[in-house]
Protein backbone atom coordinates (compact mmCIF):
# COMPACT_ATOMS: atom_id res chain seq x y z
CA ALA A 1 195.24 52.07 -111.83
CA THR A 2 193.30 55.33 -112.46
CA ASP A 3 189.65 55.99 -110.84
CA SER A 4 188.21 55.47 -114.28
CA GLU A 5 190.02 52.33 -114.87
CA LYS A 6 188.95 50.88 -111.70
CA THR A 7 185.39 51.76 -112.17
CA SER A 8 185.49 50.19 -115.75
CA THR A 9 186.41 46.85 -114.39
CA PRO A 10 183.54 44.65 -114.39
CA THR A 11 182.27 43.06 -111.02
CA CYS A 12 182.96 39.36 -110.77
CA HIS A 13 179.88 38.24 -108.88
CA PHE A 14 180.89 34.55 -108.23
CA GLY A 15 184.21 32.57 -108.90
CA VAL A 16 183.88 28.79 -108.89
CA VAL A 17 187.02 26.51 -108.65
CA PHE A 18 186.59 22.98 -110.12
CA ALA A 19 189.39 20.46 -110.27
CA LEU A 20 188.20 18.93 -113.59
CA SER A 21 186.15 19.68 -116.52
CA ALA A 22 183.88 16.75 -115.90
CA GLU A 23 182.71 18.55 -112.77
CA ALA A 24 182.32 21.76 -114.43
CA GLY A 25 180.70 20.65 -117.54
CA GLY A 26 177.07 21.16 -116.42
CA LEU A 27 177.45 24.69 -115.22
CA ILE A 28 179.64 25.66 -118.25
CA ASP A 29 176.66 24.57 -120.50
CA LEU A 30 174.48 26.97 -118.82
CA MET A 31 176.71 30.09 -119.08
CA GLN A 32 176.04 32.77 -121.73
CA GLY A 33 178.89 34.59 -123.66
CA ILE A 34 181.56 32.15 -122.55
CA VAL A 35 185.25 33.34 -123.08
CA LYS A 36 187.85 30.52 -122.66
CA THR A 37 191.32 31.45 -121.62
CA HIS A 38 194.33 29.06 -120.45
CA GLY A 39 197.32 30.25 -118.49
CA ALA A 40 199.55 29.44 -115.44
CA GLY A 41 198.39 25.68 -115.77
CA PHE A 42 194.72 26.16 -115.44
CA THR A 43 191.62 26.98 -117.67
CA ILE A 44 189.24 29.90 -117.09
CA TYR A 45 185.69 30.27 -118.30
CA GLU A 46 184.15 33.68 -118.16
CA GLY A 47 180.55 34.21 -118.88
CA GLY A 48 177.14 35.14 -117.59
CA ILE A 49 174.45 33.50 -115.60
CA ASP A 50 171.11 35.46 -115.19
CA GLY A 51 172.87 38.98 -115.70
CA ARG A 52 175.68 38.07 -113.29
CA ARG A 53 179.51 37.50 -114.32
CA VAL A 54 180.73 34.17 -113.27
CA LEU A 55 184.29 32.91 -113.65
CA ILE A 56 184.89 29.26 -113.58
CA VAL A 57 188.54 28.01 -112.94
CA LEU A 58 189.67 24.37 -113.65
CA SER A 59 192.52 23.89 -111.27
CA GLY A 60 193.43 20.15 -111.72
CA ALA A 61 193.23 17.86 -108.92
CA GLY A 62 194.74 18.30 -105.38
CA CYS A 63 195.26 20.98 -102.78
CA GLU A 64 198.28 22.75 -104.41
CA ASN A 65 196.53 23.17 -107.70
CA ALA A 66 193.40 24.35 -106.06
CA ALA A 67 195.31 26.92 -103.92
CA ARG A 68 197.20 28.25 -106.85
CA ALA A 69 194.07 28.68 -108.93
CA THR A 70 192.18 30.22 -106.13
CA ALA A 71 194.96 32.81 -105.64
CA ALA A 72 194.97 33.77 -109.13
CA LEU A 73 191.37 34.06 -109.47
CA ILE A 74 191.37 36.38 -106.47
CA ALA A 75 194.23 38.28 -107.59
CA GLY A 76 192.91 38.87 -111.12
CA HIS A 77 189.27 39.38 -110.31
CA ARG A 78 188.33 39.51 -106.83
CA PRO A 79 185.01 37.69 -106.81
CA GLN A 80 182.34 38.68 -104.13
CA ILE A 81 182.19 34.91 -103.34
CA VAL A 82 184.29 32.01 -104.26
CA PHE A 83 183.01 28.45 -104.48
CA SER A 84 184.89 25.19 -104.01
CA ALA A 85 182.64 23.08 -106.23
CA GLY A 86 182.91 19.45 -107.83
CA PHE A 87 182.38 15.91 -106.73
CA ALA A 88 182.94 14.19 -103.28
CA GLY A 89 182.88 10.70 -101.89
CA GLY A 90 179.86 10.27 -99.26
CA LEU A 91 180.99 9.24 -95.79
CA ARG A 92 177.60 8.59 -94.24
CA ASP A 93 174.87 6.17 -94.94
CA GLU A 94 172.07 8.82 -95.37
CA ILE A 95 174.25 10.49 -98.32
CA GLY A 96 173.60 9.08 -101.66
CA ARG A 97 175.02 9.43 -105.20
CA GLY A 98 173.86 12.47 -106.92
CA ASP A 99 173.13 14.23 -103.37
CA ILE A 100 174.27 17.84 -102.88
CA VAL A 101 176.22 18.59 -99.77
CA MET A 102 177.17 22.27 -98.64
CA ALA A 103 179.89 22.59 -96.04
CA ASP A 104 179.31 24.33 -92.54
CA SER A 105 183.01 23.68 -92.28
CA VAL A 106 186.00 22.07 -93.91
CA VAL A 107 188.98 20.35 -92.30
CA ASP A 108 192.23 18.79 -93.21
CA PRO A 109 193.78 15.59 -92.06
CA SER A 110 195.47 17.31 -89.05
CA GLY A 111 192.15 18.54 -87.83
CA GLU A 112 192.50 22.15 -88.63
CA ARG A 113 189.02 23.67 -89.25
CA ILE A 114 187.79 26.41 -91.23
CA ASP A 115 184.13 27.37 -90.52
CA LEU A 116 181.98 28.38 -93.72
CA GLU A 117 178.56 29.75 -94.19
CA PRO A 118 175.94 27.24 -95.68
CA SER A 119 172.99 28.56 -97.59
CA ALA A 120 169.81 28.85 -95.63
CA ALA A 121 166.49 27.15 -96.68
CA LEU A 122 167.97 24.19 -98.73
CA GLU A 123 164.93 22.27 -98.29
CA SER A 124 163.48 24.45 -100.87
CA PHE A 125 165.75 23.03 -103.59
CA PRO A 126 164.03 20.33 -105.46
CA GLY A 127 166.60 17.68 -104.73
CA ARG A 128 168.21 15.79 -101.92
CA THR A 129 170.62 18.11 -100.03
CA HIS A 130 172.67 17.98 -96.87
CA VAL A 131 174.78 20.42 -94.58
CA GLY A 132 177.88 19.09 -93.09
CA ARG A 133 181.67 18.88 -92.53
CA MET A 134 183.78 18.18 -95.52
CA ILE A 135 187.38 16.69 -95.18
CA THR A 136 190.05 17.40 -97.79
CA VAL A 137 192.74 14.63 -98.03
CA GLU A 138 195.76 14.13 -100.45
CA ARG A 139 194.61 10.81 -102.10
CA ILE A 140 191.31 9.10 -103.50
CA ILE A 141 189.54 7.19 -100.65
CA GLY A 142 188.03 4.39 -102.61
CA SER A 143 187.12 1.46 -100.31
CA PRO A 144 184.04 1.53 -98.12
CA LYS A 145 186.12 0.50 -95.08
CA GLU A 146 188.41 3.63 -95.51
CA LYS A 147 185.36 5.76 -96.00
CA ARG A 148 183.64 4.56 -92.95
CA ALA A 149 186.82 4.91 -90.72
CA LEU A 150 187.67 8.56 -92.02
CA GLY A 151 183.94 9.71 -91.51
CA ALA A 152 184.02 8.24 -87.95
CA SER A 153 187.33 9.86 -87.17
CA SER A 154 186.65 13.26 -88.78
CA GLY A 155 182.95 13.68 -88.28
CA ALA A 156 182.81 14.65 -92.08
CA ALA A 157 179.95 13.97 -94.36
CA THR A 158 182.11 13.96 -97.50
CA VAL A 159 185.61 13.87 -98.61
CA ASP A 160 187.42 15.49 -101.66
CA LEU A 161 190.91 16.70 -102.57
CA GLU A 162 190.46 20.51 -102.84
CA SER A 163 187.82 22.35 -100.72
CA PHE A 164 190.04 22.98 -97.78
CA ALA A 165 192.86 24.63 -99.77
CA VAL A 166 190.27 26.95 -101.49
CA ALA A 167 188.73 28.04 -98.21
CA GLU A 168 192.21 28.51 -96.76
CA VAL A 169 193.19 30.92 -99.65
CA CYS A 170 189.97 32.80 -99.16
CA ARG A 171 190.40 33.17 -95.48
CA ARG A 172 193.74 34.53 -96.06
CA GLU A 173 192.45 37.06 -98.77
CA GLY A 174 189.35 38.06 -96.80
CA ILE A 175 187.00 36.60 -99.43
CA ARG A 176 183.66 34.94 -98.74
CA CYS A 177 183.95 31.13 -99.40
CA MET A 178 181.25 28.54 -99.89
CA ALA A 179 181.93 24.66 -100.64
CA VAL A 180 179.37 22.63 -102.55
CA ARG A 181 179.87 19.11 -103.64
CA ALA A 182 177.82 16.73 -105.60
CA VAL A 183 178.34 13.09 -104.32
CA SER A 184 179.86 10.78 -107.05
CA ASP A 185 180.35 7.90 -104.94
CA ALA A 186 178.46 6.78 -101.65
CA VAL A 187 180.15 5.38 -98.65
CA ASP A 188 179.54 1.74 -99.78
CA ASP A 189 180.75 2.25 -103.23
CA THR A 190 184.25 0.93 -104.21
CA LEU A 191 186.00 3.19 -106.82
CA PRO A 192 188.09 1.21 -109.28
CA PRO A 193 191.87 1.51 -108.62
CA GLU A 194 192.60 3.22 -112.10
CA VAL A 195 190.74 6.65 -110.69
CA GLU A 196 193.71 7.95 -108.88
CA ASN A 197 195.89 7.90 -112.13
CA LEU A 198 193.17 9.28 -114.26
CA LEU A 199 192.44 12.08 -111.88
CA HIS A 200 195.93 13.40 -112.47
CA GLN A 201 195.89 13.58 -116.08
CA ARG A 202 195.81 17.24 -117.20
CA SER A 203 195.17 16.81 -121.07
CA THR A 204 192.48 14.93 -123.16
CA THR A 205 195.54 13.10 -124.76
CA SER A 206 196.98 11.96 -121.62
CA ARG A 207 193.43 10.80 -120.08
CA LEU A 208 192.91 8.75 -123.14
CA GLY A 209 196.38 7.26 -122.78
CA ALA A 210 195.82 6.36 -119.16
CA ALA A 211 192.54 4.80 -119.92
CA ALA A 212 193.92 2.75 -122.68
CA GLY A 213 196.55 1.47 -120.44
CA ALA A 214 194.08 0.81 -117.94
CA ILE A 215 192.01 -1.35 -120.14
CA PHE A 216 194.95 -3.27 -121.46
CA ARG A 217 195.90 -4.11 -117.86
CA ARG A 218 192.50 -4.94 -116.86
CA PRO A 219 189.81 -5.39 -119.37
CA MET A 220 186.95 -5.18 -116.99
CA SER A 221 187.94 -1.64 -116.00
CA ILE A 222 186.23 -0.36 -119.27
CA MET A 223 182.99 -1.18 -117.60
CA ASP A 224 183.89 0.44 -114.21
CA MET A 225 185.13 3.77 -116.14
CA TRP A 226 181.78 3.64 -118.28
CA ARG A 227 179.77 3.69 -115.10
CA LEU A 228 181.82 6.38 -113.61
CA ASN A 229 181.35 8.72 -116.58
CA GLU A 230 177.57 8.13 -116.40
CA GLN A 231 177.37 9.03 -112.82
CA ALA A 232 179.71 12.01 -113.44
CA LEU A 233 177.37 13.27 -115.85
CA ILE A 234 174.42 13.00 -113.59
CA SER A 235 176.35 14.58 -110.87
CA SER A 236 177.65 17.39 -112.71
CA ASP A 237 174.27 18.29 -114.10
CA GLN A 238 172.69 18.16 -110.54
CA LEU A 239 175.52 20.41 -109.26
CA ALA A 240 174.92 22.78 -111.89
CA LYS A 241 171.19 23.04 -111.17
CA PHE A 242 172.01 23.60 -107.51
CA LEU A 243 174.50 26.39 -108.05
CA ILE A 244 172.29 28.13 -110.46
CA TRP A 245 169.52 27.89 -107.62
CA LEU A 246 171.98 29.15 -105.15
CA PHE A 247 173.40 32.05 -107.14
CA SER A 248 169.76 33.26 -107.58
CA ARG A 249 169.33 33.43 -103.59
CA ILE A 250 172.59 35.23 -102.70
């Protein structure tokens, strides 16, 4: 590219990698001038927040999808900071539903660790916040027994499916990374068995089909899914408020 082409490329201040639209919805609602594009198996929302350019990538669930989306985001836009954001399961008693957790490190099941930089002065945010380790695993950890065992063995505060993969790509590419999660289920909450299947549905049609199948097989699952949806809306809004607060302090 020529010098004039390089200087005309707008700066991407923040890139945010979410797995699912339910996680990103609160932040997308607060962006101005949104342009939505699809490509390479994920969706990108580009817009402004308080005068700064933000790109949101919906990667789909899991490490492989998150790594691909993060690599594409960096290759195409070179954000100043990349955030791994979304929902997580709490692994400690003091971490409740709707709380915000920032990672000081992320680990994978083998114990490999990547240290991250949490934001300072979290106590000034008007909500419950924590700093701690996040562990990224390959499947949903749904039972209190499993969560407590994982928390004890890993020393992690939360568990999710993508943060380590995002941080690993950022480390390789030399991009600053932060991981921020809203807790959707506390350590003693039991997730319904249908969550795993629903999580991996990429389209609205497939999600509706999976939900209908779940209700047919287990009629009471409709109540479980309604409660999950209500908590997702609350968590997404709280996460968006925190990210906006954080953007203004970076």
